[in-house]
PDB file of all heavy atoms in Angstrom:
ATOM      1  N   ALA A   1       8.246 -20.373 -28.258  1.00  0.00           N
ATOM      2  CA  ALA A   1       6.994 -20.965 -27.773  1.00  0.00           C
ATOM      3  C   ALA A   1       7.172 -22.077 -26.751  1.00  0.00           C
ATOM      4  O   ALA A   1       6.182 -22.630 -26.270  1.00  0.00           O
ATOM      5  CB  ALA A   1       6.204 -21.500 -28.965  1.00  0.00           C
ATOM      6  N   SER A   2       8.379 -22.437 -26.408  1.00  0.00           N
ATOM      7  CA  SER A   2       8.567 -23.501 -25.417  1.00  0.00           C
ATOM      8  C   SER A   2       8.066 -23.043 -24.056  1.00  0.00           C
ATOM      9  O   SER A   2       8.162 -21.868 -23.704  1.00  0.00           O
ATOM     10  CB  SER A   2      10.052 -23.877 -25.324  1.00  0.00           C
ATOM     11  OG  SER A   2      10.511 -24.405 -26.543  1.00  0.00           O
ATOM     12  N   CYS A   3       7.550 -23.994 -23.280  1.00  0.00           N
ATOM     13  CA  CYS A   3       7.029 -23.669 -21.954  1.00  0.00           C
ATOM     14  C   CYS A   3       8.170 -23.328 -20.991  1.00  0.00           C
ATOM     15  O   CYS A   3       9.294 -23.781 -21.161  1.00  0.00           O
ATOM     16  CB  CYS A   3       6.246 -24.843 -21.391  1.00  0.00           C
ATOM     17  SG  CYS A   3       4.829 -25.318 -22.394  1.00  0.00           S
ATOM     18  N   GLN A   4       7.824 -22.537 -19.984  1.00  0.00           N
ATOM     19  CA  GLN A   4       8.723 -22.186 -18.889  1.00  0.00           C
ATOM     20  C   GLN A   4      10.037 -21.574 -19.390  1.00  0.00           C
ATOM     21  O   GLN A   4      11.119 -21.966 -18.986  1.00  0.00           O
ATOM     22  CB  GLN A   4       9.002 -23.401 -18.004  1.00  0.00           C
ATOM     23  CG  GLN A   4       7.762 -23.880 -17.262  1.00  0.00           C
ATOM     24  CD  GLN A   4       8.068 -24.909 -16.206  1.00  0.00           C
ATOM     25  OE1 GLN A   4       8.719 -25.927 -16.490  1.00  0.00           O
ATOM     26  NE2 GLN A   4       7.598 -24.674 -14.980  1.00  0.00           N
ATOM     27  N   THR A   5       9.902 -20.599 -20.276  1.00  0.00           N
ATOM     28  CA  THR A   5      11.086 -19.909 -20.805  1.00  0.00           C
ATOM     29  C   THR A   5      11.110 -18.433 -20.419  1.00  0.00           C
ATOM     30  O   THR A   5      11.974 -17.699 -20.884  1.00  0.00           O
ATOM     31  CB  THR A   5      11.135 -20.027 -22.336  1.00  0.00           C
ATOM     32  OG1 THR A   5       9.906 -19.551 -22.902  1.00  0.00           O
ATOM     33  CG2 THR A   5      11.379 -21.454 -22.778  1.00  0.00           C
ATOM     34  N   VAL A   6      10.183 -17.976 -19.573  1.00  0.00           N
ATOM     35  CA  VAL A   6      10.146 -16.572 -19.178  1.00  0.00           C
ATOM     36  C   VAL A   6      11.391 -16.229 -18.366  1.00  0.00           C
ATOM     37  O   VAL A   6      11.768 -16.954 -17.441  1.00  0.00           O
ATOM     38  CB  VAL A   6       8.874 -16.251 -18.377  1.00  0.00           C
ATOM     39  CG1 VAL A   6       8.900 -14.832 -17.825  1.00  0.00           C
ATOM     40  CG2 VAL A   6       7.642 -16.447 -19.260  1.00  0.00           C
ATOM     41  N   ALA A   7      12.032 -15.133 -18.727  1.00  0.00           N
ATOM     42  CA  ALA A   7      13.269 -14.715 -18.070  1.00  0.00           C
ATOM     43  C   ALA A   7      12.977 -14.152 -16.681  1.00  0.00           C
ATOM     44  O   ALA A   7      11.841 -13.881 -16.310  1.00  0.00           O
ATOM     45  CB  ALA A   7      13.976 -13.662 -18.929  1.00  0.00           C
ATOM     46  N   PHE A   8      14.038 -13.970 -15.923  1.00  0.00           N
ATOM     47  CA  PHE A   8      13.944 -13.364 -14.595  1.00  0.00           C
ATOM     48  C   PHE A   8      14.521 -11.950 -14.663  1.00  0.00           C
ATOM     49  O   PHE A   8      15.493 -11.724 -15.358  1.00  0.00           O
ATOM     50  CB  PHE A   8      14.728 -14.200 -13.582  1.00  0.00           C
ATOM     51  CG  PHE A   8      14.116 -15.544 -13.333  1.00  0.00           C
ATOM     52  CD1 PHE A   8      14.446 -16.636 -14.120  1.00  0.00           C
ATOM     53  CD2 PHE A   8      13.186 -15.708 -12.316  1.00  0.00           C
ATOM     54  CE1 PHE A   8      13.871 -17.877 -13.896  1.00  0.00           C
ATOM     55  CE2 PHE A   8      12.603 -16.954 -12.078  1.00  0.00           C
ATOM     56  CZ  PHE A   8      12.942 -18.039 -12.866  1.00  0.00           C
ATOM     57  N   PRO A   9      13.898 -10.972 -14.024  1.00  0.00           N
ATOM     58  CA  PRO A   9      12.909 -11.071 -12.952  1.00  0.00           C
ATOM     59  C   PRO A   9      11.439 -11.176 -13.403  1.00  0.00           C
ATOM     60  O   PRO A   9      10.553 -11.211 -12.553  1.00  0.00           O
ATOM     61  CB  PRO A   9      13.107  -9.762 -12.185  1.00  0.00           C
ATOM     62  CG  PRO A   9      13.512  -8.786 -13.229  1.00  0.00           C
ATOM     63  CD  PRO A   9      14.381  -9.579 -14.180  1.00  0.00           C
ATOM     64  N   ALA A  10      11.154 -11.207 -14.711  1.00  0.00           N
ATOM     65  CA  ALA A  10       9.760 -11.238 -15.171  1.00  0.00           C
ATOM     66  C   ALA A  10       9.002 -12.438 -14.628  1.00  0.00           C
ATOM     67  O   ALA A  10       7.788 -12.388 -14.455  1.00  0.00           O
ATOM     68  CB  ALA A  10       9.709 -11.237 -16.700  1.00  0.00           C
ATOM     69  N   ALA A  11       9.705 -13.537 -14.350  1.00  0.00           N
ATOM     70  CA  ALA A  11       9.050 -14.768 -13.898  1.00  0.00           C
ATOM     71  C   ALA A  11       8.691 -14.754 -12.420  1.00  0.00           C
ATOM     72  O   ALA A  11       8.007 -15.668 -11.949  1.00  0.00           O
ATOM     73  CB  ALA A  11       9.947 -15.972 -14.194  1.00  0.00           C
ATOM     74  N   TYR A  12       9.126 -13.730 -11.679  1.00  0.00           N
ATOM     75  CA  TYR A  12       8.822 -13.692 -10.252  1.00  0.00           C
ATOM     76  C   TYR A  12       7.408 -13.173 -10.000  1.00  0.00           C
ATOM     77  O   TYR A  12       6.937 -12.266 -10.697  1.00  0.00           O
ATOM     78  CB  TYR A  12       9.807 -12.789  -9.512  1.00  0.00           C
ATOM     79  CG  TYR A  12      11.214 -13.314  -9.450  1.00  0.00           C
ATOM     80  CD1 TYR A  12      12.287 -12.537  -9.863  1.00  0.00           C
ATOM     81  CD2 TYR A  12      11.480 -14.598  -8.976  1.00  0.00           C
ATOM     82  CE1 TYR A  12      13.590 -13.009  -9.808  1.00  0.00           C
ATOM     83  CE2 TYR A  12      12.777 -15.081  -8.920  1.00  0.00           C
ATOM     84  CZ  TYR A  12      13.824 -14.281  -9.328  1.00  0.00           C
ATOM     85  OH  TYR A  12      15.095 -14.775  -9.283  1.00  0.00           O
ATOM     86  N   PRO A  13       6.718 -13.710  -8.985  1.00  0.00           N
ATOM     87  CA  PRO A  13       5.457 -13.095  -8.576  1.00  0.00           C
ATOM     88  C   PRO A  13       5.724 -11.693  -8.048  1.00  0.00           C
ATOM     89  O   PRO A  13       6.791 -11.425  -7.490  1.00  0.00           O
ATOM     90  CB  PRO A  13       4.965 -14.022  -7.453  1.00  0.00           C
ATOM     91  CG  PRO A  13       6.179 -14.733  -6.959  1.00  0.00           C
ATOM     92  CD  PRO A  13       7.097 -14.857  -8.143  1.00  0.00           C
ATOM     93  N   GLY A  14       4.781 -10.795  -8.256  1.00  0.00           N
ATOM     94  CA  GLY A  14       4.971  -9.419  -7.821  1.00  0.00           C
ATOM     95  C   GLY A  14       5.693  -8.552  -8.820  1.00  0.00           C
ATOM     96  O   GLY A  14       5.887  -7.357  -8.594  1.00  0.00           O
ATOM     97  N   VAL A  15       6.116  -9.150  -9.944  1.00  0.00           N
ATOM     98  CA  VAL A  15       6.733  -8.411 -11.048  1.00  0.00           C
ATOM     99  C   VAL A  15       5.817  -8.510 -12.250  1.00  0.00           C
ATOM    100  O   VAL A  15       5.333  -9.604 -12.577  1.00  0.00           O
ATOM    101  CB  VAL A  15       8.133  -8.976 -11.397  1.00  0.00           C
ATOM    102  CG1 VAL A  15       8.720  -8.259 -12.605  1.00  0.00           C
ATOM    103  CG2 VAL A  15       9.071  -8.871 -10.194  1.00  0.00           C
ATOM    104  N   LEU A  16       5.559  -7.400 -12.922  1.00  0.00           N
ATOM    105  CA  LEU A  16       4.725  -7.424 -14.122  1.00  0.00           C
ATOM    106  C   LEU A  16       5.555  -7.920 -15.303  1.00  0.00           C
ATOM    107  O   LEU A  16       6.284  -7.156 -15.934  1.00  0.00           O
ATOM    108  CB  LEU A  16       4.167  -6.020 -14.409  1.00  0.00           C
ATOM    109  CG  LEU A  16       2.852  -5.659 -13.741  1.00  0.00           C
ATOM    110  CD1 LEU A  16       2.517  -4.186 -13.957  1.00  0.00           C
ATOM    111  CD2 LEU A  16       1.710  -6.535 -14.276  1.00  0.00           C
ATOM    112  N   GLY A  17       5.478  -9.219 -15.582  1.00  0.00           N
ATOM    113  CA  GLY A  17       6.169  -9.801 -16.720  1.00  0.00           C
ATOM    114  C   GLY A  17       5.359  -9.597 -17.990  1.00  0.00           C
ATOM    115  O   GLY A  17       4.158  -9.867 -18.012  1.00  0.00           O
ATOM    116  N   VAL A  18       6.009  -9.132 -19.054  1.00  0.00           N
ATOM    117  CA  VAL A  18       5.292  -8.715 -20.262  1.00  0.00           C
ATOM    118  C   VAL A  18       5.755  -9.515 -21.472  1.00  0.00           C
ATOM    119  O   VAL A  18       6.950  -9.560 -21.793  1.00  0.00           O
ATOM    120  CB  VAL A  18       5.498  -7.209 -20.539  1.00  0.00           C
ATOM    121  CG1 VAL A  18       4.640  -6.765 -21.722  1.00  0.00           C
ATOM    122  CG2 VAL A  18       5.180  -6.383 -19.297  1.00  0.00           C
ATOM    123  N   GLY A  19       4.787 -10.141 -22.145  1.00  0.00           N
ATOM    124  CA  GLY A  19       5.036 -10.835 -23.403  1.00  0.00           C
ATOM    125  C   GLY A  19       4.755  -9.925 -24.586  1.00  0.00           C
ATOM    126  O   GLY A  19       4.295  -8.788 -24.441  1.00  0.00           O
ATOM    127  N   SER A  20       5.022 -10.439 -25.790  1.00  0.00           N
ATOM    128  CA  SER A  20       4.963  -9.630 -27.011  1.00  0.00           C
ATOM    129  C   SER A  20       3.780 -10.016 -27.891  1.00  0.00           C
ATOM    130  O   SER A  20       3.626 -11.180 -28.269  1.00  0.00           O
ATOM    131  CB  SER A  20       6.269  -9.797 -27.798  1.00  0.00           C
ATOM    132  OG  SER A  20       6.197  -9.139 -29.044  1.00  0.00           O
ATOM    133  N   LEU A  21       2.952  -9.023 -28.220  1.00  0.00           N
ATOM    134  CA  LEU A  21       1.849  -9.179 -29.172  1.00  0.00           C
ATOM    135  C   LEU A  21       2.345  -8.785 -30.559  1.00  0.00           C
ATOM    136  O   LEU A  21       2.950  -7.731 -30.724  1.00  0.00           O
ATOM    137  CB  LEU A  21       0.668  -8.295 -28.762  1.00  0.00           C
ATOM    138  CG  LEU A  21      -0.595  -8.430 -29.616  1.00  0.00           C
ATOM    139  CD1 LEU A  21      -1.328  -9.718 -29.271  1.00  0.00           C
ATOM    140  CD2 LEU A  21      -1.511  -7.221 -29.402  1.00  0.00           C
ATOM    141  N   SER A  22       2.073  -9.619 -31.560  1.00  0.00           N
ATOM    142  CA  SER A  22       2.520  -9.305 -32.914  1.00  0.00           C
ATOM    143  C   SER A  22       1.581  -8.311 -33.582  1.00  0.00           C
ATOM    144  O   SER A  22       0.463  -8.052 -33.112  1.00  0.00           O
ATOM    145  CB  SER A  22       2.604 -10.578 -33.764  1.00  0.00           C
ATOM    146  OG  SER A  22       1.305 -10.945 -34.214  1.00  0.00           O
ATOM    147  N   ILE A  23       2.023  -7.771 -34.695  1.00  0.00           N
ATOM    148  CA  ILE A  23       1.216  -6.819 -35.445  1.00  0.00           C
ATOM    149  C   ILE A  23      -0.034  -7.480 -36.029  1.00  0.00           C
ATOM    150  O   ILE A  23      -0.990  -6.802 -36.406  1.00  0.00           O
ATOM    151  CB  ILE A  23       2.073  -6.168 -36.555  1.00  0.00           C
ATOM    152  CG1 ILE A  23       1.444  -4.857 -37.027  1.00  0.00           C
ATOM    153  CG2 ILE A  23       2.341  -7.135 -37.685  1.00  0.00           C
ATOM    154  CD1 ILE A  23       2.345  -4.034 -37.898  1.00  0.00           C
ATOM    155  N   TYR A  24      -0.046  -8.809 -36.062  1.00  0.00           N
ATOM    156  CA  TYR A  24      -1.212  -9.553 -36.538  1.00  0.00           C
ATOM    157  C   TYR A  24      -2.174  -9.896 -35.395  1.00  0.00           C
ATOM    158  O   TYR A  24      -3.107 -10.675 -35.577  1.00  0.00           O
ATOM    159  CB  TYR A  24      -0.766 -10.824 -37.253  1.00  0.00           C
ATOM    160  CG  TYR A  24       0.063 -10.532 -38.479  1.00  0.00           C
ATOM    161  CD1 TYR A  24       1.429 -10.767 -38.480  1.00  0.00           C
ATOM    162  CD2 TYR A  24      -0.520  -9.989 -39.623  1.00  0.00           C
ATOM    163  CE1 TYR A  24       2.195 -10.482 -39.608  1.00  0.00           C
ATOM    164  CE2 TYR A  24       0.237  -9.701 -40.742  1.00  0.00           C
ATOM    165  CZ  TYR A  24       1.593  -9.946 -40.732  1.00  0.00           C
ATOM    166  OH  TYR A  24       2.346  -9.659 -41.848  1.00  0.00           O
ATOM    167  N   ASP A  25      -1.939  -9.333 -34.221  1.00  0.00           N
ATOM    168  CA  ASP A  25      -2.807  -9.480 -33.049  1.00  0.00           C
ATOM    169  C   ASP A  25      -2.789 -10.892 -32.478  1.00  0.00           C
ATOM    170  O   ASP A  25      -3.777 -11.348 -31.885  1.00  0.00           O
ATOM    171  CB  ASP A  25      -4.247  -9.050 -33.361  1.00  0.00           C
ATOM    172  CG  ASP A  25      -4.910  -8.379 -32.155  1.00  0.00           C
ATOM    173  OD1 ASP A  25      -4.257  -7.516 -31.538  1.00  0.00           O
ATOM    174  OD2 ASP A  25      -6.050  -8.742 -31.827  1.00  0.00           O
TER     175      ASP A  25
END
């Protein structure tokens, strides 16, 4: 949950960076 931890290349503009939704929505 820490801020600014998105990996690269997901953090670049023009790349669809995808996070994870839990089974509890």
